[in-house]
Amino acid sequence: MGNPESNKRGKSRKRRSVLPGFGLSMGFTITYLSLVVLFPLAGIILKSTQQSWSKFWETATDPRVIASIEVSMMTSLVAAVVNAVFGLIVAWVLVRYNFPGKRLIDGLVDLPFALPTAVAGIALTAIYSQNGLLGSFFAKFDIKTAYSPLGITIALLFIGLPFVVRTIQPVLEDLEKDVEEAAASLGASRWRTFRRVIFPAVLPSLLTGFALAFARGLGEYGSVVFISGNMPMKTEIAPLLIRTKLEQYDYTGATTIALLMLIISFVLLFVINLLQWRASRRTIGA
């Protein structure tokens, strides 16, 4: 028969041993995340709270600060939306079709990851400036690319595309083709099959890629600082204004702008993750 208490302890010990080393690995995880993420973010908040509320509000509502945040937000949003559309197309082509040079194109998608952002910024500026290869072409139509919000968007398109493609690609590879064939056999058109079968399955990963590209665009500096022109109230981005504040030894002002960007990023990412969660539930329910 045995003692019931000892049997319970033995069963709980067996259940705990299913994942050995959980306590140690969890401790390392929390310590690493605290050192890399939580402590720096807490430092921003603590540094911002060292000033009075009136000073914080004065910095936060400064027209130059508001303009720089608007430039960063709008260009990042536009670039993330465009990358979401064309990133889905690129991922679809790489997964569903075989063609000469496929490996080369697949490798080029990761180029923004490997290329230093400053190098990318200089190259984009040289190409899209008024005398550049592409900039001179757009200048014929009175379209200013470099040293404008459009130039910032182009730089963010360059650095954000891999986030969307690499997020969607594994989902498309794992997508069962039997469902598509069943829809086609029932008379569904290709567009309806994509809209009702394929797109709901890739929507959560598409939102994830969009969120990653958007978040990267908000904090991007190296590839944008050259092509933007850095004109206050026009093409000055928030990361550049933070650096300007630091060079002027205005640490509280810099942390105030950083805290504003942090709050905005958290709110937007929360909304995007909420939409992703709802899309996942709809996919599972379907």
C-alpha atoms as a PDB file:
ATOM      1  CA  MET A   1       0.000   0.000   0.000  1.00  0.00           C
ATOM      2  CA  GLY A   2       2.583   2.599   1.129  1.00  0.00           C
ATOM      3  CA  ASN A   3       2.199   5.962   2.786  1.00  0.00           C
ATOM      4  CA  PRO A   4      -0.094   8.344   0.813  1.00  0.00           C
ATOM      5  CA  GLU A   5       2.017  11.374   1.784  1.00  0.00           C
ATOM      6  CA  SER A   6       5.222   9.784   0.528  1.00  0.00           C
ATOM      7  CA  ASN A   7       3.459   8.743  -2.678  1.00  0.00           C
ATOM      8  CA  LYS A   8       2.344  12.347  -3.267  1.00  0.00           C
ATOM      9  CA  ARG A   9       5.860  13.665  -2.628  1.00  0.00           C
ATOM     10  CA  GLY A  10       7.262  11.070  -5.016  1.00  0.00           C
ATOM     11  CA  LYS A  11       4.792  12.029  -7.751  1.00  0.00           C
ATOM     12  CA  SER A  12       5.475  15.766  -7.335  1.00  0.00           C
ATOM     13  CA  ARG A  13       9.210  15.087  -7.444  1.00  0.00           C
ATOM     14  CA  LYS A  14       8.750  13.170 -10.700  1.00  0.00           C
ATOM     15  CA  ARG A  15       6.678  15.985 -12.171  1.00  0.00           C
ATOM     16  CA  ARG A  16       9.339  18.541 -11.257  1.00  0.00           C
ATOM     17  CA  SER A  17      12.049  16.445 -12.900  1.00  0.00           C
ATOM     18  CA  VAL A  18      10.353  16.568 -16.300  1.00  0.00           C
ATOM     19  CA  LEU A  19      12.196  19.851 -17.047  1.00  0.00           C
ATOM     20  CA  PRO A  20      15.511  19.562 -15.211  1.00  0.00           C
ATOM     21  CA  GLY A  21      17.363  22.764 -14.419  1.00  0.00           C
ATOM     22  CA  PHE A  22      14.308  25.004 -14.704  1.00  0.00           C
ATOM     23  CA  GLY A  23      15.121  27.000 -11.572  1.00  0.00           C
ATOM     24  CA  LEU A  24      18.722  27.664 -12.621  1.00  0.00           C
ATOM     25  CA  SER A  25      17.860  28.535 -16.236  1.00  0.00           C
ATOM     26  CA  MET A  26      14.966  30.744 -15.119  1.00  0.00           C
ATOM     27  CA  GLY A  27      17.295  32.581 -12.764  1.00  0.00           C
ATOM     28  CA  PHE A  28      19.796  33.204 -15.562  1.00  0.00           C
ATOM     29  CA  THR A  29      16.956  34.382 -17.812  1.00  0.00           C
ATOM     30  CA  ILE A  30      15.616  36.901 -15.314  1.00  0.00           C
ATOM     31  CA  THR A  31      19.127  38.142 -14.465  1.00  0.00           C
ATOM     32  CA  TYR A  32      20.088  38.591 -18.117  1.00  0.00           C
ATOM     33  CA  LEU A  33      16.837  40.371 -19.029  1.00  0.00           C
ATOM     34  CA  SER A  34      17.198  42.619 -15.992  1.00  0.00           C
ATOM     35  CA  LEU A  35      20.751  43.642 -16.908  1.00  0.00           C
ATOM     36  CA  VAL A  36      20.048  44.132 -20.610  1.00  0.00           C
ATOM     37  CA  VAL A  37      16.457  45.448 -20.651  1.00  0.00           C
ATOM     38  CA  LEU A  38      14.888  46.277 -17.289  1.00  0.00           C
ATOM     39  CA  PHE A  39      17.737  48.211 -15.632  1.00  0.00           C
ATOM     40  CA  PRO A  40      18.381  50.529 -18.640  1.00  0.00           C
ATOM     41  CA  LEU A  41      14.652  51.249 -18.957  1.00  0.00           C
ATOM     42  CA  ALA A  42      14.411  51.874 -15.225  1.00  0.00           C
ATOM     43  CA  GLY A  43      17.367  54.264 -15.515  1.00  0.00           C
ATOM     44  CA  ILE A  44      15.502  56.299 -18.132  1.00  0.00           C
ATOM     45  CA  ILE A  45      12.446  56.553 -15.894  1.00  0.00           C
ATOM     46  CA  LEU A  46      14.463  57.448 -12.778  1.00  0.00           C
ATOM     47  CA  LYS A  47      16.482  60.095 -14.630  1.00  0.00           C
ATOM     48  CA  SER A  48      13.308  61.648 -16.027  1.00  0.00           C
ATOM     49  CA  THR A  49      11.663  61.816 -12.604  1.00  0.00           C
ATOM     50  CA  GLN A  50      14.574  63.829 -11.152  1.00  0.00           C
ATOM     51  CA  GLN A  51      13.120  66.966 -12.741  1.00  0.00           C
ATOM     52  CA  SER A  52       9.931  68.733 -11.775  1.00  0.00           C
ATOM     53  CA  TRP A  53       6.671  68.002 -13.517  1.00  0.00           C
ATOM     54  CA  SER A  54       6.580  71.487 -15.020  1.00  0.00           C
ATOM     55  CA  LYS A  55      10.051  71.012 -16.522  1.00  0.00           C
ATOM     56  CA  PHE A  56       9.071  67.583 -17.850  1.00  0.00           C
ATOM     57  CA  TRP A  57       5.914  69.004 -19.433  1.00  0.00           C
ATOM     58  CA  GLU A  58       7.830  71.932 -20.905  1.00  0.00           C
ATOM     59  CA  THR A  59      10.274  69.574 -22.605  1.00  0.00           C
ATOM     60  CA  ALA A  60       7.581  67.147 -23.719  1.00  0.00           C
ATOM     61  CA  THR A  61       5.457  69.874 -25.314  1.00  0.00           C
ATOM     62  CA  ASP A  62       8.325  71.719 -26.975  1.00  0.00           C
ATOM     63  CA  PRO A  63       7.404  72.209 -30.669  1.00  0.00           C
ATOM     64  CA  ARG A  64      10.760  70.835 -31.807  1.00  0.00           C
ATOM     65  CA  VAL A  65      10.317  67.681 -29.714  1.00  0.00           C
ATOM     66  CA  ILE A  66       6.758  67.148 -30.960  1.00  0.00           C
ATOM     67  CA  ALA A  67       7.841  67.671 -34.569  1.00  0.00           C
ATOM     68  CA  SER A  68      10.708  65.172 -34.282  1.00  0.00           C
ATOM     69  CA  ILE A  69       8.427  62.543 -32.732  1.00  0.00           C
ATOM     70  CA  GLU A  70       5.851  63.103 -35.473  1.00  0.00           C
ATOM     71  CA  VAL A  71       8.508  62.634 -38.160  1.00  0.00           C
ATOM     72  CA  SER A  72       9.756  59.411 -36.543  1.00  0.00           C
ATOM     73  CA  MET A  73       6.239  58.074 -35.999  1.00  0.00           C
ATOM     74  CA  MET A  74       4.831  58.833 -39.443  1.00  0.00           C
ATOM     75  CA  THR A  75       7.828  57.653 -41.449  1.00  0.00           C
ATOM     76  CA  SER A  76       8.114  54.471 -39.366  1.00  0.00           C
ATOM     77  CA  LEU A  77       4.409  53.758 -39.763  1.00  0.00           C
ATOM     78  CA  VAL A  78       4.403  54.305 -43.525  1.00  0.00           C
ATOM     79  CA  ALA A  79       7.552  52.204 -43.976  1.00  0.00           C
ATOM     80  CA  ALA A  80       6.145  49.388 -41.825  1.00  0.00           C
ATOM     81  CA  VAL A  81       2.860  49.320 -43.774  1.00  0.00           C
ATOM     82  CA  VAL A  82       4.651  49.240 -47.146  1.00  0.00           C
ATOM     83  CA  ASN A  83       7.039  46.553 -45.904  1.00  0.00           C
ATOM     84  CA  ALA A  84       4.106  44.496 -44.640  1.00  0.00           C
ATOM     85  CA  VAL A  85       2.572  44.473 -48.125  1.00  0.00           C
ATOM     86  CA  PHE A  86       5.707  43.875 -50.176  1.00  0.00           C
ATOM     87  CA  GLY A  87       7.332  41.694 -47.521  1.00  0.00           C
ATOM     88  CA  LEU A  88       4.393  39.313 -47.846  1.00  0.00           C
ATOM     89  CA  ILE A  89       4.846  39.265 -51.624  1.00  0.00           C
ATOM     90  CA  VAL A  90       8.600  38.630 -51.343  1.00  0.00           C
ATOM     91  CA  ALA A  91       8.068  35.824 -48.828  1.00  0.00           C
ATOM     92  CA  TRP A  92       5.379  34.299 -51.042  1.00  0.00           C
ATOM     93  CA  VAL A  93       7.669  34.290 -54.089  1.00  0.00           C
ATOM     94  CA  LEU A  94      10.588  32.789 -52.140  1.00  0.00           C
ATOM     95  CA  VAL A  95       8.438  30.008 -50.682  1.00  0.00           C
ATOM     96  CA  ARG A  96       6.095  29.084 -53.519  1.00  0.00           C
ATOM     97  CA  TYR A  97       8.266  29.402 -56.635  1.00  0.00           C
ATOM     98  CA  ASN A  98      11.567  27.980 -57.866  1.00  0.00           C
ATOM     99  CA  PHE A  99      13.549  30.149 -60.249  1.00  0.00           C
ATOM    100  CA  PRO A 100      17.183  30.896 -61.149  1.00  0.00           C
ATOM    101  CA  GLY A 101      18.843  33.166 -58.602  1.00  0.00           C
ATOM    102  CA  LYS A 102      16.441  32.280 -55.816  1.00  0.00           C
ATOM    103  CA  ARG A 103      19.244  31.681 -53.303  1.00  0.00           C
ATOM    104  CA  LEU A 104      20.822  35.017 -54.223  1.00  0.00           C
ATOM    105  CA  ILE A 105      17.577  36.931 -53.649  1.00  0.00           C
ATOM    106  CA  ASP A 106      16.979  35.037 -50.421  1.00  0.00           C
ATOM    107  CA  GLY A 107      20.437  36.090 -49.238  1.00  0.00           C
ATOM    108  CA  LEU A 108      19.901  39.717 -50.285  1.00  0.00           C
ATOM    109  CA  VAL A 109      16.906  39.915 -47.952  1.00  0.00           C
ATOM    110  CA  ASP A 110      19.280  39.557 -44.987  1.00  0.00           C
ATOM    111  CA  LEU A 111      21.681  42.220 -46.277  1.00  0.00           C
ATOM    112  CA  PRO A 112      20.262  45.003 -44.049  1.00  0.00           C
ATOM    113  CA  PHE A 113      20.977  42.793 -41.033  1.00  0.00           C
ATOM    114  CA  ALA A 114      24.661  42.435 -41.929  1.00  0.00           C
ATOM    115  CA  LEU A 115      25.344  45.877 -43.419  1.00  0.00           C
ATOM    116  CA  PRO A 116      26.307  48.612 -40.949  1.00  0.00           C
ATOM    117  CA  THR A 117      23.525  51.157 -40.784  1.00  0.00           C
ATOM    118  CA  ALA A 118      25.892  54.086 -41.377  1.00  0.00           C
ATOM    119  CA  VAL A 119      27.098  52.456 -44.600  1.00  0.00           C
ATOM    120  CA  ALA A 120      23.504  51.947 -45.679  1.00  0.00           C
ATOM    121  CA  GLY A 121      22.719  55.592 -44.918  1.00  0.00           C
ATOM    122  CA  ILE A 122      25.655  56.886 -46.949  1.00  0.00           C
ATOM    123  CA  ALA A 123      24.821  54.605 -49.883  1.00  0.00           C
ATOM    124  CA  LEU A 124      21.146  55.575 -49.886  1.00  0.00           C
ATOM    125  CA  THR A 125      22.035  59.264 -49.677  1.00  0.00           C
ATOM    126  CA  ALA A 126      24.399  58.978 -52.624  1.00  0.00           C
ATOM    127  CA  ILE A 127      21.785  57.171 -54.735  1.00  0.00           C
ATOM    128  CA  TYR A 128      18.765  59.291 -53.820  1.00  0.00           C
ATOM    129  CA  SER A 129      20.414  62.727 -53.651  1.00  0.00           C
ATOM    130  CA  GLN A 130      19.521  65.264 -56.320  1.00  0.00           C
ATOM    131  CA  ASN A 131      22.584  64.305 -58.350  1.00  0.00           C
ATOM    132  CA  GLY A 132      22.327  60.589 -57.586  1.00  0.00           C
ATOM    133  CA  LEU A 133      21.280  57.792 -59.897  1.00  0.00           C
ATOM    134  CA  LEU A 134      17.684  57.564 -58.681  1.00  0.00           C
ATOM    135  CA  GLY A 135      17.411  61.013 -57.125  1.00  0.00           C
ATOM    136  CA  SER A 136      18.053  62.744 -60.438  1.00  0.00           C
ATOM    137  CA  PHE A 137      15.285  60.688 -62.032  1.00  0.00           C
ATOM    138  CA  PHE A 138      12.724  61.658 -59.383  1.00  0.00           C
ATOM    139  CA  ALA A 139      13.920  65.278 -59.535  1.00  0.00           C
ATOM    140  CA  LYS A 140      12.580  65.483 -63.090  1.00  0.00           C
ATOM    141  CA  PHE A 141       9.102  65.093 -61.590  1.00  0.00           C
ATOM    142  CA  ASP A 142       9.814  67.587 -58.767  1.00  0.00           C
ATOM    143  CA  ILE A 143       9.974  64.756 -56.217  1.00  0.00           C
ATOM    144  CA  LYS A 144      12.583  65.352 -53.549  1.00  0.00           C
ATOM    145  CA  THR A 145      13.855  62.076 -52.147  1.00  0.00           C
ATOM    146  CA  ALA A 146      16.958  62.716 -50.051  1.00  0.00           C
ATOM    147  CA  TYR A 147      16.796  65.321 -47.250  1.00  0.00           C
ATOM    148  CA  SER A 148      13.034  64.907 -46.941  1.00  0.00           C
ATOM    149  CA  PRO A 149      10.545  62.680 -45.066  1.00  0.00           C
ATOM    150  CA  LEU A 150      10.409  60.527 -48.200  1.00  0.00           C
ATOM    151  CA  GLY A 151      14.142  59.877 -47.877  1.00  0.00           C
ATOM    152  CA  ILE A 152      13.682  58.838 -44.245  1.00  0.00           C
ATOM    153  CA  THR A 153      10.923  56.448 -45.300  1.00  0.00           C
ATOM    154  CA  ILE A 154      13.170  54.943 -47.978  1.00  0.00           C
ATOM    155  CA  ALA A 155      15.884  54.267 -45.398  1.00  0.00           C
ATOM    156  CA  LEU A 156      13.358  52.651 -43.040  1.00  0.00           C
ATOM    157  CA  LEU A 157      12.032  50.521 -45.888  1.00  0.00           C
ATOM    158  CA  PHE A 158      15.553  49.226 -46.425  1.00  0.00           C
ATOM    159  CA  ILE A 159      16.210  48.245 -42.827  1.00  0.00           C
ATOM    160  CA  GLY A 160      12.688  46.974 -42.051  1.00  0.00           C
ATOM    161  CA  LEU A 161      12.015  44.575 -44.927  1.00  0.00           C
ATOM    162  CA  PRO A 162      13.906  41.546 -43.477  1.00  0.00           C
ATOM    163  CA  PHE A 163      11.805  41.614 -40.296  1.00  0.00           C
ATOM    164  CA  VAL A 164       8.598  41.075 -42.265  1.00  0.00           C
ATOM    165  CA  VAL A 165       9.962  38.535 -44.740  1.00  0.00           C
ATOM    166  CA  ARG A 166      11.714  36.364 -42.149  1.00  0.00           C
ATOM    167  CA  THR A 167       8.650  36.384 -39.907  1.00  0.00           C
ATOM    168  CA  ILE A 168       6.190  35.326 -42.612  1.00  0.00           C
ATOM    169  CA  GLN A 169       8.441  32.880 -44.487  1.00  0.00           C
ATOM    170  CA  PRO A 170       8.366  29.990 -41.946  1.00  0.00           C
ATOM    171  CA  VAL A 171       4.571  30.226 -41.673  1.00  0.00           C
ATOM    172  CA  LEU A 172       4.128  29.960 -45.434  1.00  0.00           C
ATOM    173  CA  GLU A 173       6.516  27.010 -45.541  1.00  0.00           C
ATOM    174  CA  ASP A 174       4.506  25.150 -42.872  1.00  0.00           C
ATOM    175  CA  LEU A 175       1.136  25.980 -44.433  1.00  0.00           C
ATOM    176  CA  GLU A 176      -0.613  22.842 -45.617  1.00  0.00           C
ATOM    177  CA  LYS A 177      -1.403  22.871 -49.315  1.00  0.00           C
ATOM    178  CA  ASP A 178      -4.209  20.334 -48.862  1.00  0.00           C
ATOM    179  CA  VAL A 179      -6.516  23.081 -47.603  1.00  0.00           C
ATOM    180  CA  GLU A 180      -5.819  25.203 -50.676  1.00  0.00           C
ATOM    181  CA  GLU A 181      -6.424  22.224 -52.962  1.00  0.00           C
ATOM    182  CA  ALA A 182      -9.687  21.469 -51.170  1.00  0.00           C
ATOM    183  CA  ALA A 183     -10.822  25.071 -51.605  1.00  0.00           C
ATOM    184  CA  ALA A 184      -9.929  24.952 -55.308  1.00  0.00           C
ATOM    185  CA  SER A 185     -11.776  21.656 -55.755  1.00  0.00           C
ATOM    186  CA  LEU A 186     -14.884  23.259 -54.240  1.00  0.00           C
ATOM    187  CA  GLY A 187     -14.790  25.977 -56.879  1.00  0.00           C
ATOM    188  CA  ALA A 188     -13.116  28.796 -54.932  1.00  0.00           C
ATOM    189  CA  SER A 189     -11.137  31.257 -57.023  1.00  0.00           C
ATOM    190  CA  ARG A 190      -7.468  31.925 -56.337  1.00  0.00           C
ATOM    191  CA  TRP A 191      -8.222  35.317 -54.809  1.00  0.00           C
ATOM    192  CA  ARG A 192     -10.926  33.871 -52.547  1.00  0.00           C
ATOM    193  CA  THR A 193      -8.621  31.036 -51.500  1.00  0.00           C
ATOM    194  CA  PHE A 194      -5.945  33.528 -50.577  1.00  0.00           C
ATOM    195  CA  ARG A 195      -8.392  35.810 -48.773  1.00  0.00           C
ATOM    196  CA  ARG A 196     -10.260  33.113 -46.824  1.00  0.00           C
ATOM    197  CA  VAL A 197      -7.604  30.409 -46.341  1.00  0.00           C
ATOM    198  CA  ILE A 198      -4.049  31.695 -46.679  1.00  0.00           C
ATOM    199  CA  PHE A 199      -4.265  35.259 -45.374  1.00  0.00           C
ATOM    200  CA  PRO A 200      -5.935  34.404 -42.011  1.00  0.00           C
ATOM    201  CA  ALA A 201      -3.174  31.863 -41.376  1.00  0.00           C
ATOM    202  CA  VAL A 202      -0.339  34.327 -42.024  1.00  0.00           C
ATOM    203  CA  LEU A 203      -2.031  37.366 -40.457  1.00  0.00           C
ATOM    204  CA  PRO A 204      -0.582  36.867 -36.911  1.00  0.00           C
ATOM    205  CA  SER A 205       2.958  36.565 -38.267  1.00  0.00           C
ATOM    206  CA  LEU A 206       2.318  39.504 -40.606  1.00  0.00           C
ATOM    207  CA  LEU A 207       1.338  41.659 -37.637  1.00  0.00           C
ATOM    208  CA  THR A 208       4.454  40.485 -35.794  1.00  0.00           C
ATOM    209  CA  GLY A 209       6.676  41.467 -38.710  1.00  0.00           C
ATOM    210  CA  PHE A 210       4.897  44.803 -38.961  1.00  0.00           C
ATOM    211  CA  ALA A 211       5.456  45.464 -35.247  1.00  0.00           C
ATOM    212  CA  LEU A 212       9.147  44.548 -35.485  1.00  0.00           C
ATOM    213  CA  ALA A 213       9.692  46.767 -38.535  1.00  0.00           C
ATOM    214  CA  PHE A 214       7.802  49.630 -36.907  1.00  0.00           C
ATOM    215  CA  ALA A 215       9.732  49.359 -33.636  1.00  0.00           C
ATOM    216  CA  ARG A 216      13.051  49.204 -35.493  1.00  0.00           C
ATOM    217  CA  GLY A 217      12.093  52.286 -37.499  1.00  0.00           C
ATOM    218  CA  LEU A 218      11.285  54.305 -34.379  1.00  0.00           C
ATOM    219  CA  GLY A 219      14.743  53.783 -32.943  1.00  0.00           C
ATOM    220  CA  GLU A 220      16.742  53.823 -36.172  1.00  0.00           C
ATOM    221  CA  TYR A 221      19.558  56.362 -36.345  1.00  0.00           C
ATOM    222  CA  GLY A 222      22.523  55.329 -38.494  1.00  0.00           C
ATOM    223  CA  SER A 223      20.783  54.813 -41.832  1.00  0.00           C
ATOM    224  CA  VAL A 224      18.509  57.854 -41.383  1.00  0.00           C
ATOM    225  CA  VAL A 225      20.826  60.559 -40.093  1.00  0.00           C
ATOM    226  CA  PHE A 226      22.554  61.053 -43.460  1.00  0.00           C
ATOM    227  CA  ILE A 227      19.567  60.945 -45.803  1.00  0.00           C
ATOM    228  CA  SER A 228      17.219  62.993 -43.585  1.00  0.00           C
ATOM    229  CA  GLY A 229      19.104  66.286 -43.757  1.00  0.00           C
ATOM    230  CA  ASN A 230      18.456  66.819 -40.008  1.00  0.00           C
ATOM    231  CA  MET A 231      16.425  70.003 -40.471  1.00  0.00           C
ATOM    232  CA  PRO A 232      14.643  70.950 -37.209  1.00  0.00           C
ATOM    233  CA  MET A 233      10.831  70.966 -37.446  1.00  0.00           C
ATOM    234  CA  LYS A 234      11.037  69.256 -40.867  1.00  0.00           C
ATOM    235  CA  THR A 235      13.267  66.182 -41.130  1.00  0.00           C
ATOM    236  CA  GLU A 236      14.785  65.893 -37.654  1.00  0.00           C
ATOM    237  CA  ILE A 237      14.087  62.486 -36.095  1.00  0.00           C
ATOM    238  CA  ALA A 238      13.671  61.864 -32.370  1.00  0.00           C
ATOM    239  CA  PRO A 239      16.876  59.766 -31.927  1.00  0.00           C
ATOM    240  CA  LEU A 240      18.906  62.608 -33.452  1.00  0.00           C
ATOM    241  CA  LEU A 241      17.297  65.140 -31.112  1.00  0.00           C
ATOM    242  CA  ILE A 242      18.152  62.882 -28.166  1.00  0.00           C
ATOM    243  CA  ARG A 243      21.779  62.857 -29.266  1.00  0.00           C
ATOM    244  CA  THR A 244      21.710  66.635 -29.661  1.00  0.00           C
ATOM    245  CA  LYS A 245      20.443  66.981 -26.095  1.00  0.00           C
ATOM    246  CA  LEU A 246      23.224  64.711 -24.844  1.00  0.00           C
ATOM    247  CA  GLU A 247      25.874  66.728 -26.675  1.00  0.00           C
ATOM    248  CA  GLN A 248      24.495  69.806 -24.909  1.00  0.00           C
ATOM    249  CA  TYR A 249      24.715  67.960 -21.553  1.00  0.00           C
ATOM    250  CA  ASP A 250      20.950  68.185 -21.208  1.00  0.00           C
ATOM    251  CA  TYR A 251      20.596  64.672 -19.822  1.00  0.00           C
ATOM    252  CA  THR A 252      17.147  65.190 -18.326  1.00  0.00           C
ATOM    253  CA  GLY A 253      15.862  66.566 -21.634  1.00  0.00           C
ATOM    254  CA  ALA A 254      17.301  63.581 -23.509  1.00  0.00           C
ATOM    255  CA  THR A 255      15.773  61.080 -21.090  1.00  0.00           C
ATOM    256  CA  THR A 256      12.439  62.912 -21.281  1.00  0.00           C
ATOM    257  CA  ILE A 257      12.309  62.445 -25.061  1.00  0.00           C
ATOM    258  CA  ALA A 258      13.450  58.844 -24.652  1.00  0.00           C
ATOM    259  CA  LEU A 259      10.694  58.226 -22.105  1.00  0.00           C
ATOM    260  CA  LEU A 260       8.079  59.690 -24.458  1.00  0.00           C
ATOM    261  CA  MET A 261       9.258  57.417 -27.269  1.00  0.00           C
ATOM    262  CA  LEU A 262       9.248  54.477 -24.855  1.00  0.00           C
ATOM    263  CA  ILE A 263       5.658  55.126 -23.772  1.00  0.00           C
ATOM    264  CA  ILE A 264       4.458  55.565 -27.356  1.00  0.00           C
ATOM    265  CA  SER A 265       6.247  52.379 -28.439  1.00  0.00           C
ATOM    266  CA  PHE A 266       4.768  50.366 -25.563  1.00  0.00           C
ATOM    267  CA  VAL A 267       1.239  51.559 -26.316  1.00  0.00           C
ATOM    268  CA  LEU A 268       1.490  50.848 -30.029  1.00  0.00           C
ATOM    269  CA  LEU A 269       3.148  47.462 -29.545  1.00  0.00           C
ATOM    270  CA  PHE A 270       0.467  46.540 -26.993  1.00  0.00           C
ATOM    271  CA  VAL A 271      -2.252  47.381 -29.513  1.00  0.00           C
ATOM    272  CA  ILE A 272      -0.493  45.434 -32.265  1.00  0.00           C
ATOM    273  CA  ASN A 273       0.017  42.407 -29.989  1.00  0.00           C
ATOM    274  CA  LEU A 274      -3.649  42.587 -29.005  1.00  0.00           C
ATOM    275  CA  LEU A 275      -4.647  42.527 -32.664  1.00  0.00           C
ATOM    276  CA  GLN A 276      -2.251  39.635 -33.246  1.00  0.00           C
ATOM    277  CA  TRP A 277      -3.774  37.697 -30.336  1.00  0.00           C
ATOM    278  CA  ARG A 278      -7.300  38.259 -31.663  1.00  0.00           C
ATOM    279  CA  ALA A 279      -6.214  37.177 -35.151  1.00  0.00           C
ATOM    280  CA  SER A 280      -4.666  33.999 -33.704  1.00  0.00           C
ATOM    281  CA  ARG A 281      -7.896  33.188 -31.829  1.00  0.00           C
ATOM    282  CA  ARG A 282      -9.929  33.659 -34.995  1.00  0.00           C
ATOM    283  CA  THR A 283      -7.572  31.369 -36.897  1.00  0.00           C
ATOM    284  CA  ILE A 284      -7.802  28.679 -34.218  1.00  0.00           C
ATOM    285  CA  GLY A 285     -11.584  29.069 -34.017  1.00  0.00           C
ATOM    286  CA  ALA A 286     -11.881  28.716 -37.763  1.00  0.00           C
END
